[in-house]
Amino acid sequence: MNDLRIVFMGTPDFAVGILDALLENGHTIVGVITAPDRPAGRGRKLNLSAVKKYALEQQLPILQPTNLKHPDFIKELEDLKANLHIVVAFRMLPKIVWQMPEYGTFNLHASLLPEYRGAAPINWAIINGEKTTGVTTFFIDDKIDTGAMILQEEIPILPEDSAGTLHNKLMLLGADIVLKTVERIKTGHLETTVQNNAIDLKPAHKIHKDTCKINWNLSKVRIYDFIRGLCPYPTAWTTLYNGDEQLTMKIYRAEISNESHSLRTGQLVFNKSEIKVAVKGGYINLLEIQLQGKRRMFTKDVLNGLKLSKNAYVG
């Protein structure tokens, strides 16, 4: 086989780790496709994707199409003369794009497919209390995350893992499996496995703000998994009812306490250094929180400037 000429498609930090591994291992990246710059913040300053920032540092050719079917973009993509496309955390591709290269287009997905197809597999695996997860490479087809699988590797989800720590572990594992996949394509030693499309598969649909609100009536284990599955982003939240005041409170880290009590669900128990939320069969101890208009802080530091009502509760 001739040397591979790779077009890489991706947007967030997760994709940067994979692109870096490809370059560090001597692979030829002839172009990078990433999301258009977006205005962000109060000043509406243009925000570059993590992949674009990295590609600029590496002086790689960059394309940022708004329409993946536009003839101008298709022509620019064809002119790169790539023979393999690699996709990591990008968006759904039209057939004209994924069918273009000689050796196809493969995707890295952060789950053990066919489970957790969709936009947020890392979050949902933790939220649902899974004990293992992993990464999968597969050839893209005309549906989302359904193509023939190439390689798959599994790792445990530890009780203390958050979406953030698991993201970093899967990025490293993903880089390794992408390199192995590229090598198999290059040498022609390639076998694929058709995915099982059972109707009871667990989805990993996109997470919205409303999805992140904590239901304190769940079991303490499910609440704990929910909090860590959304940390550090987009972050679990609740409403703090403190006397006549109502504040949005984000919760980044917590722990389970199995102490028995007869308090109503959501009632706060606190002292100068800790806040606990009464739930079924115990408490959720709040370790790191962020009050509306404030920065993320350890709970004991928040309490230095927060006066809680004796009947304060969350809900």
Protein backbone atom coordinates (compact mmCIF):
# COMPACT_ATOMS: atom_id res chain seq x y z
CA MET A 1 0.00 0.00 0.00
CA ASN A 2 1.08 3.57 -0.67
CA ASP A 3 1.56 5.89 2.31
CA LEU A 4 -1.62 7.10 3.90
CA ARG A 5 -2.73 10.67 3.38
CA ILE A 6 -5.13 11.42 6.23
CA VAL A 7 -7.80 14.07 6.67
CA PHE A 8 -8.68 14.42 10.35
CA MET A 9 -12.11 15.67 11.46
CA GLY A 10 -12.82 16.72 15.05
CA THR A 11 -13.63 19.61 17.34
CA PRO A 12 -13.11 19.23 21.15
CA ASP A 13 -10.14 18.47 23.41
CA PHE A 14 -10.85 14.73 23.17
CA ALA A 15 -10.05 14.87 19.45
CA VAL A 16 -6.82 16.82 20.01
CA GLY A 17 -5.27 13.90 21.89
CA ILE A 18 -5.91 11.60 18.92
CA LEU A 19 -4.61 14.07 16.33
CA ASP A 20 -1.47 14.60 18.40
CA ALA A 21 -0.84 10.84 18.60
CA LEU A 22 -1.15 10.52 14.81
CA LEU A 23 1.40 13.27 14.23
CA GLU A 24 3.76 12.00 16.94
CA ASN A 25 3.76 8.60 15.23
CA GLY A 26 4.73 10.04 11.86
CA HIS A 27 1.42 9.89 10.02
CA THR A 28 0.77 12.40 7.27
CA ILE A 29 -2.14 14.73 8.01
CA VAL A 30 -3.00 16.59 4.79
CA GLY A 31 -5.91 18.52 6.27
CA VAL A 32 -7.98 19.14 9.39
CA ILE A 33 -11.74 19.71 9.31
CA THR A 34 -13.24 21.37 12.37
CA ALA A 35 -16.21 23.47 13.47
CA PRO A 36 -16.50 27.13 12.41
CA ASP A 37 -15.38 29.74 14.95
CA ARG A 38 -18.22 30.73 17.28
CA PRO A 39 -18.76 34.03 19.14
CA ALA A 40 -18.69 33.42 22.90
CA GLY A 41 -18.73 35.35 26.16
CA ARG A 42 -19.88 38.87 26.89
CA GLY A 43 -17.59 40.39 24.29
CA ARG A 44 -18.76 37.88 21.64
CA LYS A 45 -15.13 37.20 20.83
CA LEU A 46 -14.67 34.42 18.30
CA ASN A 47 -13.89 31.12 20.02
CA LEU A 48 -11.67 28.64 18.18
CA SER A 49 -12.24 24.92 18.60
CA ALA A 50 -9.59 22.99 20.52
CA VAL A 51 -8.71 21.12 17.33
CA LYS A 52 -8.26 24.37 15.37
CA LYS A 53 -5.96 25.81 18.03
CA TYR A 54 -3.80 22.67 17.90
CA ALA A 55 -3.84 22.54 14.08
CA LEU A 56 -2.68 26.16 13.90
CA GLU A 57 0.23 25.35 16.24
CA GLN A 58 1.19 22.44 13.98
CA GLN A 59 0.70 24.52 10.81
CA LEU A 60 -1.78 22.05 9.35
CA PRO A 61 -4.22 23.03 6.57
CA ILE A 62 -7.63 23.79 8.14
CA LEU A 63 -11.12 23.74 6.63
CA GLN A 64 -14.16 24.99 8.59
CA PRO A 65 -17.25 24.34 6.48
CA THR A 66 -20.71 25.35 7.64
CA ASN A 67 -22.26 23.10 4.99
CA LEU A 68 -20.59 19.73 4.48
CA LYS A 69 -22.39 19.27 1.15
CA HIS A 70 -21.45 22.63 -0.37
CA PRO A 71 -19.66 22.20 -3.74
CA ASP A 72 -16.84 24.56 -2.71
CA PHE A 73 -16.06 22.47 0.38
CA ILE A 74 -16.28 19.20 -1.54
CA LYS A 75 -13.81 20.58 -4.11
CA GLU A 76 -11.41 21.72 -1.34
CA LEU A 77 -11.64 18.29 0.28
CA GLU A 78 -10.99 16.49 -3.01
CA ASP A 79 -7.97 18.73 -3.66
CA LEU A 80 -6.33 17.44 -0.47
CA LYS A 81 -6.07 14.02 -2.18
CA ALA A 82 -6.56 12.12 1.07
CA ASN A 83 -7.00 8.35 0.94
CA LEU A 84 -8.28 7.99 4.55
CA HIS A 85 -10.57 10.10 6.73
CA ILE A 86 -10.48 9.81 10.53
CA VAL A 87 -13.34 11.28 12.57
CA VAL A 88 -13.27 11.96 16.32
CA ALA A 89 -16.10 13.89 18.02
CA PHE A 90 -17.25 15.77 14.95
CA ARG A 91 -20.67 15.73 13.33
CA MET A 92 -22.66 13.49 11.02
CA LEU A 93 -21.08 13.34 7.57
CA PRO A 94 -22.91 13.23 4.25
CA LYS A 95 -22.31 10.21 2.05
CA ILE A 96 -20.32 12.25 -0.49
CA VAL A 97 -17.75 12.95 2.24
CA TRP A 98 -17.42 9.60 3.99
CA GLN A 99 -17.33 7.65 0.70
CA MET A 100 -14.65 9.88 -0.83
CA PRO A 101 -11.32 8.35 0.33
CA GLU A 102 -9.98 5.10 -1.13
CA TYR A 103 -9.61 3.42 2.28
CA GLY A 104 -12.83 4.77 3.75
CA THR A 105 -13.73 6.92 6.75
CA PHE A 106 -13.51 5.57 10.26
CA ASN A 107 -14.71 7.04 13.53
CA LEU A 108 -13.49 6.70 17.12
CA HIS A 109 -16.39 6.48 19.58
CA ALA A 110 -15.98 6.60 23.37
CA SER A 111 -18.13 3.60 24.24
CA LEU A 112 -18.35 -0.12 23.74
CA LEU A 113 -20.58 -0.03 20.68
CA PRO A 114 -23.35 -0.81 19.99
CA GLU A 115 -24.11 0.51 23.49
CA TYR A 116 -24.18 4.28 24.04
CA ARG A 117 -24.44 5.52 20.49
CA GLY A 118 -24.78 9.29 20.44
CA ALA A 119 -23.24 12.55 21.57
CA ALA A 120 -22.50 11.94 25.28
CA PRO A 121 -21.33 8.33 25.84
CA ILE A 122 -18.86 9.15 28.63
CA ASN A 123 -21.46 11.03 30.69
CA TRP A 124 -24.21 8.45 30.30
CA ALA A 125 -22.00 5.45 31.13
CA ILE A 126 -21.25 6.97 34.55
CA ILE A 127 -24.77 8.33 35.12
CA ASN A 128 -26.16 4.85 34.49
CA GLY A 129 -23.75 3.27 36.95
CA GLU A 130 -21.78 1.19 34.44
CA LYS A 131 -18.72 -0.62 35.77
CA THR A 132 -16.91 -0.74 32.41
CA THR A 133 -16.72 1.27 29.22
CA GLY A 134 -14.22 1.62 26.40
CA VAL A 135 -13.55 2.84 22.88
CA THR A 136 -14.51 1.54 19.46
CA THR A 137 -13.32 2.30 15.93
CA PHE A 138 -15.78 1.69 13.12
CA PHE A 139 -16.35 2.57 9.48
CA ILE A 140 -18.93 5.32 9.07
CA ASP A 141 -22.19 4.57 7.26
CA ASP A 142 -25.37 6.59 6.71
CA LYS A 143 -26.62 6.31 10.30
CA ILE A 144 -25.17 7.49 13.64
CA ASP A 145 -22.54 5.18 15.19
CA THR A 146 -23.87 2.05 13.47
CA GLY A 147 -21.10 1.07 11.03
CA ALA A 148 -18.98 -2.07 10.97
CA MET A 149 -16.63 -2.19 13.97
CA ILE A 150 -12.87 -2.48 13.49
CA LEU A 151 -11.33 -2.56 16.99
CA GLN A 152 -12.65 -2.23 20.53
CA GLU A 153 -10.94 -1.97 23.92
CA GLU A 154 -12.46 -1.95 27.41
CA ILE A 155 -11.49 -0.28 30.69
CA PRO A 156 -13.10 -0.24 34.17
CA ILE A 157 -15.03 2.74 35.47
CA LEU A 158 -13.76 3.31 39.00
CA PRO A 159 -16.15 4.42 41.80
CA GLU A 160 -14.28 7.71 42.07
CA ASP A 161 -14.20 8.43 38.32
CA SER A 162 -15.92 11.53 37.00
CA ALA A 163 -16.74 12.33 33.38
CA GLY A 164 -13.53 14.40 33.39
CA THR A 165 -11.17 11.68 34.60
CA LEU A 166 -12.81 9.06 32.37
CA HIS A 167 -12.57 11.43 29.39
CA ASN A 168 -8.80 11.61 29.86
CA LYS A 169 -8.40 7.85 30.22
CA LEU A 170 -10.50 7.19 27.12
CA MET A 171 -8.57 9.79 25.13
CA LEU A 172 -5.33 7.89 25.81
CA LEU A 173 -6.95 4.54 25.06
CA GLY A 174 -8.56 6.06 21.97
CA ALA A 175 -5.23 7.31 20.66
CA ASP A 176 -3.80 3.81 20.98
CA ILE A 177 -6.73 2.13 19.23
CA VAL A 178 -6.74 4.70 16.40
CA LEU A 179 -3.03 4.03 15.78
CA LYS A 180 -3.71 0.28 15.71
CA THR A 181 -6.64 0.80 13.34
CA VAL A 182 -4.53 2.92 10.98
CA GLU A 183 -1.82 0.25 10.99
CA ARG A 184 -4.33 -2.46 10.07
CA ILE A 185 -5.70 -0.35 7.23
CA LYS A 186 -2.17 0.37 6.03
CA THR A 187 -1.12 -3.31 6.07
CA GLY A 188 -4.42 -4.64 4.79
CA HIS A 189 -4.88 -6.88 7.87
CA LEU A 190 -8.40 -5.67 8.47
CA GLU A 191 -11.43 -7.52 9.79
CA THR A 192 -14.71 -5.88 10.75
CA THR A 193 -17.69 -6.92 12.86
CA VAL A 194 -21.26 -5.94 12.07
CA GLN A 195 -22.96 -4.25 15.03
CA ASN A 196 -25.87 -5.89 16.82
CA ASN A 197 -28.90 -3.62 16.50
CA ALA A 198 -30.86 -4.97 19.47
CA ILE A 199 -33.86 -2.82 20.39
CA ASP A 200 -32.87 -2.46 24.06
CA LEU A 201 -29.56 -0.68 23.52
CA LYS A 202 -28.71 2.19 25.88
CA PRO A 203 -28.52 5.57 24.11
CA ALA A 204 -26.14 8.46 24.78
CA HIS A 205 -28.24 11.38 23.59
CA LYS A 206 -27.07 14.97 23.92
CA ILE A 207 -27.31 16.45 27.42
CA HIS A 208 -29.14 19.75 27.96
CA LYS A 209 -29.36 22.02 31.02
CA ASP A 210 -32.73 20.57 32.07
CA THR A 211 -31.23 17.07 31.88
CA CYS A 212 -28.66 18.13 34.49
CA LYS A 213 -31.08 19.00 37.29
CA ILE A 214 -30.72 16.62 40.25
CA ASN A 215 -33.72 14.54 41.31
CA TRP A 216 -33.15 14.17 45.06
CA ASN A 217 -35.81 11.43 45.26
CA LEU A 218 -33.51 8.97 43.52
CA SER A 219 -31.35 6.55 45.51
CA LYS A 220 -28.15 7.99 46.98
CA VAL A 221 -26.04 5.87 44.61
CA ARG A 222 -27.90 7.13 41.54
CA ILE A 223 -27.58 10.74 42.72
CA TYR A 224 -23.84 10.25 43.30
CA ASP A 225 -23.40 8.71 39.83
CA PHE A 226 -25.42 11.55 38.30
CA ILE A 227 -23.18 14.21 39.88
CA ARG A 228 -19.90 12.58 38.88
CA GLY A 229 -21.24 11.75 35.42
CA LEU A 230 -21.75 15.46 34.74
CA CYS A 231 -18.49 16.74 36.27
CA PRO A 232 -16.84 18.98 35.20
CA TYR A 233 -19.20 19.66 32.32
CA PRO A 234 -22.07 20.36 31.86
CA THR A 235 -22.43 19.98 35.68
CA ALA A 236 -25.29 18.74 37.86
CA TRP A 237 -27.33 21.50 39.47
CA THR A 238 -30.14 22.11 41.92
CA THR A 239 -32.07 25.02 43.40
CA LEU A 240 -31.05 26.12 46.89
CA TYR A 241 -33.99 27.44 48.93
CA ASN A 242 -32.44 29.54 51.67
CA GLY A 243 -35.12 31.47 53.54
CA ASP A 244 -36.59 33.94 51.05
CA GLU A 245 -33.68 33.43 48.66
CA GLN A 246 -33.53 30.97 45.75
CA LEU A 247 -30.15 30.27 44.16
CA THR A 248 -28.97 27.95 41.43
CA MET A 249 -26.22 25.72 42.83
CA LYS A 250 -23.94 23.56 40.70
CA ILE A 251 -22.46 20.48 42.34
CA TYR A 252 -19.10 19.22 41.06
CA ARG A 253 -18.06 16.70 43.68
CA ALA A 254 -19.90 14.82 46.38
CA GLU A 255 -19.72 11.66 48.42
CA ILE A 256 -22.22 9.25 49.94
CA SER A 257 -22.87 9.04 53.67
CA ASN A 258 -24.89 6.09 54.97
CA GLU A 259 -25.96 7.71 58.26
CA SER A 260 -29.61 7.11 59.08
CA HIS A 261 -32.01 10.04 59.60
CA SER A 262 -35.69 10.94 59.61
CA LEU A 263 -35.42 14.20 57.67
CA ARG A 264 -37.38 15.06 54.56
CA THR A 265 -35.62 14.58 51.23
CA GLY A 266 -33.60 17.64 50.24
CA GLN A 267 -33.24 19.05 53.76
CA LEU A 268 -29.77 20.45 54.44
CA VAL A 269 -27.67 19.54 57.46
CA PHE A 270 -24.66 21.79 57.86
CA ASN A 271 -21.97 23.16 60.14
CA LYS A 272 -19.03 25.52 59.58
CA SER A 273 -17.25 23.14 57.20
CA GLU A 274 -19.78 20.87 55.49
CA ILE A 275 -23.19 20.64 53.87
CA LYS A 276 -25.11 17.38 53.63
CA VAL A 277 -28.34 16.76 51.72
CA ALA A 278 -30.80 14.30 53.25
CA VAL A 279 -31.78 11.57 50.79
CA LYS A 280 -33.21 8.07 51.03
CA GLY A 281 -31.01 5.94 53.27
CA GLY A 282 -28.43 8.59 54.10
CA TYR A 283 -26.90 11.83 52.89
CA ILE A 284 -25.08 13.28 49.93
CA ASN A 285 -22.11 15.29 51.26
CA LEU A 286 -21.37 18.27 49.02
CA LEU A 287 -17.60 18.69 48.51
CA GLU A 288 -17.27 21.21 45.67
CA ILE A 289 -20.05 23.55 44.61
CA GLN A 290 -20.67 26.76 42.72
CA LEU A 291 -23.32 29.23 43.78
CA GLN A 292 -25.05 31.45 41.25
CA GLY A 293 -22.73 34.30 40.23
CA LYS A 294 -19.75 32.79 42.07
CA ARG A 295 -16.82 30.56 41.13
CA ARG A 296 -16.38 26.85 41.83
CA MET A 297 -15.18 26.36 45.42
CA PHE A 298 -14.75 23.79 48.15
CA THR A 299 -17.90 23.72 50.26
CA LYS A 300 -16.05 24.72 53.43
CA ASP A 301 -14.84 27.90 51.66
CA VAL A 302 -18.35 28.70 50.39
CA LEU A 303 -19.63 28.51 53.96
CA ASN A 304 -17.29 31.33 54.99
CA GLY A 305 -19.49 33.77 53.08
CA LEU A 306 -22.86 32.00 53.06
CA LYS A 307 -25.36 32.15 55.87
CA LEU A 308 -27.76 29.24 55.65
CA SER A 309 -31.25 29.25 57.14
CA LYS A 310 -31.88 26.40 59.60
CA ASN A 311 -34.66 25.20 57.23
CA ALA A 312 -32.60 25.51 54.04
CA TYR A 313 -33.21 22.78 51.49
CA VAL A 314 -32.58 21.87 47.86
CA GLY A 315 -35.01 20.78 45.20
